[in-house]
Amino acid sequence: MGKKLAAYNSDGDIVAFYDTVDSPAPDGVAVIEITAEQLDNLMRAQAIGKRFAVKNGVPIAVDPPPPTRAELATLKRAQRDAALMATDWLVARHQDEKLIGDGTTLAAAQFATLVKYRQALRDISDADRWPDVDLPAAPDFVTAIG
């Protein structure tokens, strides 16, 4: 085994590790030499969510940046979509039962509440504080039926 190298970009983020014997760094790549102990420490830090950087020629582990507003919005939309999908079956069953005509599991008022809940989920992305909002809670009867 050769010397360990950490390659980093113009922002100082470590982007790769190399070994001078087994996997030399490509020409032109900015690298610093690191010890096996430093590499082990970086790997342990990565296991708890840290990212790697170079500061003053020394490898360090730092907290990742907070998610961007766009990333938070994407996550919130996924949560909203999951909440809608979680009640799709109930809407479909109610509509099927109405078509069959033998009565429905949900009372008319419950179905109206369910539809309003689903509309509130769809409208949540228009909220002033989006995406820093809490999704509305599903009606109690949804969890009781499901």
N, C-alpha and C. Protein backbone atom coordinates (compact mmCIF):
# COMPACT_ATOMS: atom_id res chain seq x y z
N MET A 1 0.85 -1.18 0.00
CA MET A 1 0.00 0.00 0.00
C MET A 1 0.89 1.23 0.00
N GLY A 2 0.43 2.22 -0.75
CA GLY A 2 1.18 3.46 -0.82
C GLY A 2 0.62 4.50 0.12
N LYS A 3 0.95 5.73 -0.16
CA LYS A 3 0.46 6.85 0.64
C LYS A 3 -1.01 7.09 0.30
N LYS A 4 -1.76 7.55 1.29
CA LYS A 4 -3.18 7.87 1.11
C LYS A 4 -3.30 9.33 0.70
N LEU A 5 -4.18 9.58 -0.25
CA LEU A 5 -4.41 10.93 -0.73
C LEU A 5 -5.89 11.24 -0.69
N ALA A 6 -6.21 12.48 -0.37
CA ALA A 6 -7.59 12.96 -0.42
C ALA A 6 -7.65 14.02 -1.51
N ALA A 7 -8.52 13.81 -2.49
CA ALA A 7 -8.70 14.79 -3.56
C ALA A 7 -9.82 15.74 -3.17
N TYR A 8 -9.67 17.01 -3.52
CA TYR A 8 -10.68 17.99 -3.14
C TYR A 8 -10.95 18.94 -4.30
N ASN A 9 -12.14 19.52 -4.28
CA ASN A 9 -12.53 20.44 -5.35
C ASN A 9 -12.21 21.88 -4.96
N SER A 10 -12.62 22.82 -5.81
CA SER A 10 -12.31 24.23 -5.58
C SER A 10 -13.02 24.80 -4.36
N ASP A 11 -14.08 24.14 -3.90
CA ASP A 11 -14.78 24.58 -2.69
C ASP A 11 -14.14 24.02 -1.42
N GLY A 12 -13.14 23.15 -1.59
CA GLY A 12 -12.51 22.53 -0.43
C GLY A 12 -13.17 21.26 0.04
N ASP A 13 -14.15 20.76 -0.72
CA ASP A 13 -14.83 19.52 -0.36
C ASP A 13 -14.00 18.33 -0.84
N ILE A 14 -13.78 17.37 0.03
CA ILE A 14 -13.08 16.15 -0.37
C ILE A 14 -14.05 15.34 -1.23
N VAL A 15 -13.57 14.98 -2.42
CA VAL A 15 -14.43 14.28 -3.37
C VAL A 15 -13.99 12.85 -3.67
N ALA A 16 -12.77 12.49 -3.26
CA ALA A 16 -12.29 11.13 -3.54
C ALA A 16 -11.06 10.84 -2.69
N PHE A 17 -10.78 9.56 -2.56
CA PHE A 17 -9.57 9.11 -1.88
C PHE A 17 -8.77 8.25 -2.84
N TYR A 18 -7.46 8.37 -2.77
CA TYR A 18 -6.58 7.62 -3.65
C TYR A 18 -5.45 7.01 -2.84
N ASP A 19 -4.79 6.04 -3.45
CA ASP A 19 -3.61 5.41 -2.89
C ASP A 19 -2.54 5.51 -3.98
N THR A 20 -1.36 5.97 -3.62
CA THR A 20 -0.33 6.22 -4.65
C THR A 20 0.09 4.96 -5.39
N VAL A 21 -0.14 3.78 -4.81
CA VAL A 21 0.24 2.54 -5.48
C VAL A 21 -0.97 1.90 -6.17
N ASP A 22 -2.04 1.68 -5.41
CA ASP A 22 -3.20 0.94 -5.93
C ASP A 22 -4.12 1.76 -6.82
N SER A 23 -4.28 3.02 -6.52
CA SER A 23 -5.21 3.86 -7.29
C SER A 23 -4.72 5.31 -7.26
N PRO A 24 -3.72 5.60 -8.07
CA PRO A 24 -3.17 6.95 -8.06
C PRO A 24 -4.19 7.99 -8.54
N ALA A 25 -4.04 9.19 -8.03
CA ALA A 25 -4.94 10.28 -8.43
C ALA A 25 -4.65 10.67 -9.87
N PRO A 26 -5.68 11.02 -10.62
CA PRO A 26 -5.47 11.48 -11.99
C PRO A 26 -4.63 12.77 -12.01
N ASP A 27 -3.93 12.98 -13.09
CA ASP A 27 -3.14 14.20 -13.23
C ASP A 27 -4.04 15.43 -13.11
N GLY A 28 -3.53 16.44 -12.44
CA GLY A 28 -4.24 17.71 -12.33
C GLY A 28 -5.24 17.79 -11.19
N VAL A 29 -5.44 16.70 -10.47
CA VAL A 29 -6.39 16.69 -9.36
C VAL A 29 -5.70 17.23 -8.11
N ALA A 30 -6.35 18.15 -7.41
CA ALA A 30 -5.81 18.70 -6.17
C ALA A 30 -5.93 17.65 -5.07
N VAL A 31 -4.80 17.32 -4.43
CA VAL A 31 -4.80 16.30 -3.38
C VAL A 31 -3.96 16.77 -2.20
N ILE A 32 -4.28 16.18 -1.04
CA ILE A 32 -3.42 16.31 0.13
C ILE A 32 -3.11 14.90 0.60
N GLU A 33 -1.95 14.74 1.20
CA GLU A 33 -1.60 13.45 1.77
C GLU A 33 -2.26 13.32 3.14
N ILE A 34 -2.81 12.15 3.42
CA ILE A 34 -3.44 11.91 4.71
C ILE A 34 -2.91 10.61 5.30
N THR A 35 -2.98 10.53 6.60
CA THR A 35 -2.54 9.31 7.28
C THR A 35 -3.68 8.29 7.30
N ALA A 36 -3.32 7.05 7.57
CA ALA A 36 -4.34 6.01 7.70
C ALA A 36 -5.29 6.35 8.85
N GLU A 37 -4.74 6.93 9.91
CA GLU A 37 -5.58 7.32 11.05
C GLU A 37 -6.58 8.42 10.66
N GLN A 38 -6.12 9.40 9.88
CA GLN A 38 -7.03 10.45 9.42
C GLN A 38 -8.13 9.87 8.54
N LEU A 39 -7.77 8.94 7.67
CA LEU A 39 -8.76 8.30 6.81
C LEU A 39 -9.78 7.54 7.65
N ASP A 40 -9.32 6.79 8.64
CA ASP A 40 -10.23 6.06 9.53
C ASP A 40 -11.17 7.02 10.26
N ASN A 41 -10.62 8.13 10.75
CA ASN A 41 -11.45 9.12 11.45
C ASN A 41 -12.50 9.71 10.52
N LEU A 42 -12.12 9.98 9.27
CA LEU A 42 -13.09 10.51 8.31
C LEU A 42 -14.20 9.49 8.03
N MET A 43 -13.84 8.23 7.90
CA MET A 43 -14.84 7.20 7.64
C MET A 43 -15.82 7.07 8.81
N ARG A 44 -15.30 7.16 10.03
CA ARG A 44 -16.19 7.12 11.20
C ARG A 44 -17.11 8.34 11.22
N ALA A 45 -16.58 9.48 10.85
CA ALA A 45 -17.39 10.71 10.83
C ALA A 45 -18.48 10.60 9.76
N GLN A 46 -18.14 10.01 8.62
CA GLN A 46 -19.13 9.84 7.55
C GLN A 46 -20.27 8.95 8.01
N ALA A 47 -19.96 7.96 8.82
CA ALA A 47 -20.99 7.03 9.31
C ALA A 47 -22.03 7.73 10.19
N ILE A 48 -21.69 8.89 10.73
CA ILE A 48 -22.66 9.64 11.55
C ILE A 48 -23.16 10.89 10.83
N GLY A 49 -22.99 10.92 9.49
CA GLY A 49 -23.59 11.98 8.70
C GLY A 49 -22.72 13.17 8.37
N LYS A 50 -21.46 13.12 8.71
CA LYS A 50 -20.57 14.24 8.39
C LYS A 50 -20.13 14.17 6.94
N ARG A 51 -19.65 15.29 6.42
CA ARG A 51 -19.05 15.32 5.10
C ARG A 51 -17.60 15.74 5.27
N PHE A 52 -16.83 15.58 4.22
CA PHE A 52 -15.39 15.83 4.30
C PHE A 52 -15.03 17.14 3.63
N ALA A 53 -14.01 17.79 4.18
CA ALA A 53 -13.50 19.02 3.59
C ALA A 53 -12.01 19.13 3.92
N VAL A 54 -11.38 20.08 3.25
CA VAL A 54 -9.99 20.40 3.53
C VAL A 54 -9.95 21.84 4.02
N LYS A 55 -9.33 22.04 5.16
CA LYS A 55 -9.19 23.39 5.70
C LYS A 55 -7.73 23.60 6.09
N ASN A 56 -7.12 24.59 5.48
CA ASN A 56 -5.70 24.88 5.73
C ASN A 56 -4.82 23.65 5.52
N GLY A 57 -5.15 22.87 4.48
CA GLY A 57 -4.36 21.70 4.14
C GLY A 57 -4.58 20.49 5.01
N VAL A 58 -5.60 20.53 5.87
CA VAL A 58 -5.88 19.42 6.79
C VAL A 58 -7.28 18.87 6.51
N PRO A 59 -7.42 17.54 6.45
CA PRO A 59 -8.76 16.98 6.24
C PRO A 59 -9.59 17.13 7.51
N ILE A 60 -10.84 17.55 7.33
CA ILE A 60 -11.75 17.71 8.47
C ILE A 60 -13.11 17.12 8.12
N ALA A 61 -13.86 16.80 9.15
CA ALA A 61 -15.24 16.35 8.99
C ALA A 61 -16.14 17.48 9.48
N VAL A 62 -17.12 17.83 8.67
CA VAL A 62 -18.02 18.93 9.02
C VAL A 62 -19.47 18.49 8.86
N ASP A 63 -20.35 19.22 9.53
CA ASP A 63 -21.77 18.95 9.36
C ASP A 63 -22.18 19.31 7.94
N PRO A 64 -23.09 18.55 7.34
CA PRO A 64 -23.57 18.92 6.01
C PRO A 64 -24.37 20.21 6.10
N PRO A 65 -24.45 20.94 5.01
CA PRO A 65 -25.25 22.17 5.04
C PRO A 65 -26.72 21.81 5.25
N PRO A 66 -27.49 22.73 5.81
CA PRO A 66 -28.91 22.45 5.97
C PRO A 66 -29.56 22.30 4.60
N PRO A 67 -30.67 21.57 4.54
CA PRO A 67 -31.34 21.41 3.25
C PRO A 67 -31.81 22.76 2.72
N THR A 68 -31.79 22.88 1.41
CA THR A 68 -32.28 24.11 0.77
C THR A 68 -33.80 24.15 0.86
N ARG A 69 -34.35 25.31 0.60
CA ARG A 69 -35.81 25.46 0.58
C ARG A 69 -36.42 24.53 -0.47
N ALA A 70 -35.77 24.41 -1.61
CA ALA A 70 -36.28 23.52 -2.66
C ALA A 70 -36.25 22.06 -2.21
N GLU A 71 -35.19 21.65 -1.51
CA GLU A 71 -35.12 20.28 -1.00
C GLU A 71 -36.20 20.02 0.05
N LEU A 72 -36.43 21.01 0.92
CA LEU A 72 -37.50 20.87 1.92
C LEU A 72 -38.86 20.77 1.24
N ALA A 73 -39.07 21.56 0.19
CA ALA A 73 -40.34 21.51 -0.53
C ALA A 73 -40.54 20.15 -1.20
N THR A 74 -39.48 19.60 -1.76
CA THR A 74 -39.57 18.28 -2.39
C THR A 74 -39.93 17.22 -1.35
N LEU A 75 -39.31 17.29 -0.19
CA LEU A 75 -39.62 16.35 0.88
C LEU A 75 -41.06 16.50 1.35
N LYS A 76 -41.51 17.73 1.52
CA LYS A 76 -42.88 17.97 1.99
C LYS A 76 -43.89 17.50 0.95
N ARG A 77 -43.60 17.70 -0.33
CA ARG A 77 -44.50 17.20 -1.38
C ARG A 77 -44.59 15.68 -1.35
N ALA A 78 -43.47 15.03 -1.11
CA ALA A 78 -43.47 13.56 -1.02
C ALA A 78 -44.32 13.10 0.16
N GLN A 79 -44.22 13.80 1.28
CA GLN A 79 -45.05 13.45 2.44
C GLN A 79 -46.52 13.68 2.12
N ARG A 80 -46.82 14.79 1.46
CA ARG A 80 -48.20 15.09 1.07
C ARG A 80 -48.73 14.03 0.12
N ASP A 81 -47.93 13.67 -0.87
CA ASP A 81 -48.36 12.66 -1.84
C ASP A 81 -48.60 11.31 -1.16
N ALA A 82 -47.76 10.97 -0.20
CA ALA A 82 -47.94 9.71 0.54
C ALA A 82 -49.24 9.75 1.35
N ALA A 83 -49.55 10.90 1.93
CA ALA A 83 -50.80 11.03 2.70
C ALA A 83 -52.01 10.89 1.77
N LEU A 84 -51.93 11.45 0.58
CA LEU A 84 -53.03 11.29 -0.39
C LEU A 84 -53.17 9.83 -0.81
N MET A 85 -52.05 9.20 -1.12
CA MET A 85 -52.11 7.79 -1.54
C MET A 85 -52.65 6.89 -0.44
N ALA A 86 -52.39 7.26 0.80
CA ALA A 86 -52.86 6.44 1.93
C ALA A 86 -54.38 6.41 2.03
N THR A 87 -55.06 7.38 1.41
CA THR A 87 -56.53 7.39 1.45
C THR A 87 -57.16 7.13 0.09
N ASP A 88 -56.34 6.94 -0.94
CA ASP A 88 -56.89 6.65 -2.27
C ASP A 88 -57.83 5.45 -2.24
N TRP A 89 -57.43 4.40 -1.53
CA TRP A 89 -58.23 3.18 -1.50
C TRP A 89 -59.61 3.43 -0.89
N LEU A 90 -59.65 4.32 0.11
CA LEU A 90 -60.91 4.59 0.79
C LEU A 90 -61.87 5.36 -0.11
N VAL A 91 -61.32 6.31 -0.87
CA VAL A 91 -62.14 7.05 -1.83
C VAL A 91 -62.67 6.09 -2.90
N ALA A 92 -61.78 5.26 -3.44
CA ALA A 92 -62.20 4.32 -4.48
C ALA A 92 -63.25 3.34 -3.96
N ARG A 93 -63.06 2.84 -2.76
CA ARG A 93 -64.04 1.90 -2.19
C ARG A 93 -65.40 2.58 -2.02
N HIS A 94 -65.39 3.82 -1.51
CA HIS A 94 -66.65 4.53 -1.30
C HIS A 94 -67.37 4.74 -2.64
N GLN A 95 -66.62 5.13 -3.65
CA GLN A 95 -67.24 5.34 -4.96
C GLN A 95 -67.77 4.03 -5.54
N ASP A 96 -67.03 2.95 -5.38
CA ASP A 96 -67.50 1.64 -5.85
C ASP A 96 -68.77 1.23 -5.11
N GLU A 97 -68.77 1.40 -3.79
CA GLU A 97 -69.94 1.02 -3.00
C GLU A 97 -71.17 1.84 -3.41
N LYS A 98 -70.97 3.11 -3.73
CA LYS A 98 -72.10 3.94 -4.18
C LYS A 98 -72.64 3.43 -5.51
N LEU A 99 -71.74 3.05 -6.40
CA LEU A 99 -72.18 2.54 -7.70
C LEU A 99 -72.92 1.22 -7.57
N ILE A 100 -72.47 0.36 -6.68
CA ILE A 100 -73.12 -0.93 -6.47
C ILE A 100 -74.49 -0.73 -5.85
N GLY A 101 -74.61 0.24 -4.97
CA GLY A 101 -75.90 0.58 -4.39
C GLY A 101 -76.31 -0.21 -3.17
N ASP A 102 -75.40 -0.93 -2.54
CA ASP A 102 -75.73 -1.71 -1.34
C ASP A 102 -75.32 -1.02 -0.05
N GLY A 103 -75.13 0.27 -0.08
CA GLY A 103 -74.69 1.01 1.10
C GLY A 103 -73.18 1.23 1.07
N THR A 104 -72.74 2.16 1.89
CA THR A 104 -71.32 2.52 1.93
C THR A 104 -70.75 2.35 3.33
N THR A 105 -69.48 2.10 3.39
CA THR A 105 -68.79 2.00 4.67
C THR A 105 -68.76 3.35 5.36
N LEU A 106 -68.51 4.40 4.58
CA LEU A 106 -68.48 5.76 5.13
C LEU A 106 -69.85 6.41 5.02
N ALA A 107 -70.22 7.12 6.05
CA ALA A 107 -71.43 7.95 5.98
C ALA A 107 -71.11 9.13 5.06
N ALA A 108 -72.14 9.76 4.54
CA ALA A 108 -71.96 10.89 3.62
C ALA A 108 -71.11 11.99 4.26
N ALA A 109 -71.34 12.27 5.54
CA ALA A 109 -70.57 13.31 6.24
C ALA A 109 -69.10 12.90 6.37
N GLN A 110 -68.84 11.62 6.60
CA GLN A 110 -67.46 11.16 6.70
C GLN A 110 -66.75 11.29 5.35
N PHE A 111 -67.46 10.92 4.28
CA PHE A 111 -66.86 11.03 2.96
C PHE A 111 -66.56 12.50 2.63
N ALA A 112 -67.47 13.39 2.99
CA ALA A 112 -67.24 14.82 2.76
C ALA A 112 -66.01 15.30 3.55
N THR A 113 -65.88 14.82 4.78
CA THR A 113 -64.71 15.18 5.60
C THR A 113 -63.43 14.65 4.95
N LEU A 114 -63.48 13.44 4.44
CA LEU A 114 -62.33 12.85 3.77
C LEU A 114 -61.94 13.66 2.53
N VAL A 115 -62.91 14.03 1.74
CA VAL A 115 -62.64 14.81 0.53
C VAL A 115 -62.04 16.17 0.90
N LYS A 116 -62.56 16.80 1.95
CA LYS A 116 -62.02 18.10 2.39
C LYS A 116 -60.59 17.94 2.91
N TYR A 117 -60.32 16.88 3.62
CA TYR A 117 -58.96 16.60 4.10
C TYR A 117 -58.01 16.46 2.91
N ARG A 118 -58.41 15.70 1.91
CA ARG A 118 -57.58 15.50 0.73
C ARG A 118 -57.36 16.82 -0.02
N GLN A 119 -58.39 17.67 -0.06
CA GLN A 119 -58.22 18.96 -0.72
C GLN A 119 -57.27 19.85 0.09
N ALA A 120 -57.35 19.78 1.40
CA ALA A 120 -56.43 20.55 2.25
C ALA A 120 -54.98 20.11 1.99
N LEU A 121 -54.78 18.81 1.78
CA LEU A 121 -53.44 18.33 1.44
C LEU A 121 -52.97 18.91 0.11
N ARG A 122 -53.86 18.95 -0.86
CA ARG A 122 -53.49 19.50 -2.17
C ARG A 122 -53.19 21.00 -2.09
N ASP A 123 -53.93 21.71 -1.24
CA ASP A 123 -53.77 23.16 -1.13
C ASP A 123 -52.59 23.59 -0.26
N ILE A 124 -52.02 22.66 0.49
CA ILE A 124 -51.00 23.03 1.48
C ILE A 124 -49.79 23.71 0.85
N SER A 125 -49.47 23.38 -0.40
CA SER A 125 -48.30 24.00 -1.03
C SER A 125 -48.52 25.47 -1.35
N ASP A 126 -49.74 25.95 -1.22
CA ASP A 126 -50.03 27.37 -1.40
C ASP A 126 -49.96 28.15 -0.09
N ALA A 127 -49.66 27.48 1.00
CA ALA A 127 -49.60 28.14 2.31
C ALA A 127 -48.46 29.16 2.34
N ASP A 128 -48.65 30.22 3.11
CA ASP A 128 -47.65 31.29 3.20
C ASP A 128 -46.29 30.78 3.66
N ARG A 129 -46.25 29.85 4.57
CA ARG A 129 -44.99 29.39 5.14
C ARG A 129 -44.45 28.13 4.45
N TRP A 130 -45.02 27.75 3.31
CA TRP A 130 -44.58 26.57 2.59
C TRP A 130 -43.09 26.64 2.33
N PRO A 131 -42.32 25.63 2.53
CA PRO A 131 -42.67 24.27 2.93
C PRO A 131 -42.60 24.03 4.45
N ASP A 132 -42.42 25.10 5.21
CA ASP A 132 -42.32 24.95 6.67
C ASP A 132 -43.72 24.91 7.29
N VAL A 133 -44.46 23.88 6.94
CA VAL A 133 -45.83 23.72 7.43
C VAL A 133 -46.04 22.28 7.88
N ASP A 134 -47.01 22.09 8.74
CA ASP A 134 -47.42 20.74 9.14
C ASP A 134 -48.58 20.31 8.26
N LEU A 135 -48.53 19.08 7.82
CA LEU A 135 -49.65 18.55 7.04
C LEU A 135 -50.84 18.36 7.96
N PRO A 136 -52.05 18.54 7.43
CA PRO A 136 -53.22 18.28 8.26
C PRO A 136 -53.29 16.80 8.64
N ALA A 137 -53.84 16.55 9.80
CA ALA A 137 -54.00 15.17 10.27
C ALA A 137 -55.18 14.52 9.56
N ALA A 138 -55.03 13.24 9.29
CA ALA A 138 -56.13 12.49 8.68
C ALA A 138 -57.28 12.40 9.68
N PRO A 139 -58.51 12.38 9.19
CA PRO A 139 -59.65 12.22 10.10
C PRO A 139 -59.50 10.92 10.90
N ASP A 140 -59.97 10.94 12.13
CA ASP A 140 -59.84 9.78 13.02
C ASP A 140 -60.42 8.51 12.42
N PHE A 141 -61.53 8.63 11.71
CA PHE A 141 -62.18 7.43 11.18
C PHE A 141 -61.32 6.74 10.13
N VAL A 142 -60.40 7.47 9.50
CA VAL A 142 -59.54 6.86 8.48
C VAL A 142 -58.64 5.80 9.12
N THR A 143 -58.03 6.14 10.24
CA THR A 143 -57.17 5.17 10.91
C THR A 143 -57.98 4.03 11.53
N ALA A 144 -59.20 4.33 11.95
CA ALA A 144 -60.05 3.29 12.54
C ALA A 144 -60.47 2.27 11.48
N ILE A 145 -60.71 2.73 10.26
CA ILE A 145 -61.14 1.83 9.18
C ILE A 145 -59.95 1.07 8.61
N GLY A 146 -58.83 1.78 8.43
CA GLY A 146 -57.65 1.19 7.78
C GLY A 146 -56.99 0.21 8.63
